């Protein structure tokens, strides 16, 4: 047997044994292809019908759908490379944090809160590769609340009603949990012929999971077959989360939406393409977007759009690119020596994120990671913190979590809540309301779901895009389609 296999590279953050095994297999059996990025080249034309900036959870979908029209030339620009092998393996997603596949954002310490973290700063991972953060996230598939979508519709954002949003959820979904599909309520909750596979992961620790669910049941937190089918309202339910995965690998938007249409002749993907600004003609009224300035292979070039420039670069990069292009709060732009083309005060504002407060529970059995410290589990209380009043709600949630140690299963393992040394909180009685309030302020972190910095709305005074997701005050040539 002969072959020309080359060594397979990883991000460098996965275990060395794993990388060595892949290289060995590639060299001896030729079963792993050489991992080179096929998209890292400057296009041979400079004008497209649509230019999409960012290939994440939104950009990949838009690229797929637009390129279905064979007469449209579509360009997708991604600042990072193709995902590495670690991205495919669910448990290795976090190994990509702080690597070249991550934007490596870190929050800045304010010297007051989050002091339980090293240097008072939090890592804020954002995917920098095809598929964006969907290529390294936890894959949890939660559809959100009908009430929230209906509120959007009620606020003059027509076409965003819960019924219409649910229609597009189902159009995207391909639910493949055969056992749950036998449940008519669950079956009707999901779509079954879309490109995005939604399934349930097998668990090595099923017994522990079932014991934990039973413990929640004991506290009145009802266990349900599927949280989406139960119309999740943020409280009172527990269950196994559905995930975007199939056959043991991650189902990122790169896999679900980009790979299947790689060979479309009207579709061009360029990786390692860093867009620095949107090109805007401010001699028209209103100003018109007509292309992008982008760095590719050490060169800065301009690419032009016949119809639309679509910005889908996430909660951090989207307002950044808008402001670099002259769209944003005028006073702030001028302070950075950026000419203001459209004074849009809400660009970059309204940031929200999911916070979590980790509550370690120790017991007499080895934990999920089987560490020497015998940590059993982390019970994570999730809450979207928006003000001081919410700290009290977080305290209520923590006190509910701590009750787990008094349930039958946790008693069998002599579970207890350890006291973590946080100097700012040592003045308070352990597990008192004041202690937990201090604890939540000093040790709360993020589960990396930032949203809101390009808010949709009817009024340009408090939003960035309209109900069609078009930036207020900017036009395109899309009316010519």
Foldseek 3Di string as FASTA:
>chain_A
DDDDFDQEDALPLPDPVVSVVRRVCCVPPVPDHHDDFPFFDDDPDFEFAEEEEAQAQPNLQVLQVVVVPLVGFYEYEAQATAHGPLLFFLVSLCSCQPTSQWPFDKDQAPVAFQQVDVNSIFTFTWGRYRHICLSRANQFDADDAQVVQCVCCVQVLPCSHSVNSQVVQQQAEQEDAVVCCVPVLSVVSHHRPHLFYKYADDDPPVVLVVVVQVLVVVLQQDEDDECSSVRHDQDSHDYGTIGRHDPNTRRGSCNRRVVVCVPSPSYHYHYSKAWQEFDWAVVDFLIATFWTWIAHPNDTDIHTHQFYYHYDHDLPVRLVRCLSHQDEQCVVSVVVVHHHSHHQHLQQPPKWFKKWQWFWKAFQAADPVRDPRRTHDTDIRIDTDDDPVCLLVVLVVVVSVQCSCVGPVNVVRNIHTDDDDDPVQPVDDPSDSSSSSSSCRRNMHGSNDIDDNQAEHDDSRNHQAYSVRHGPSYHTRNVVD
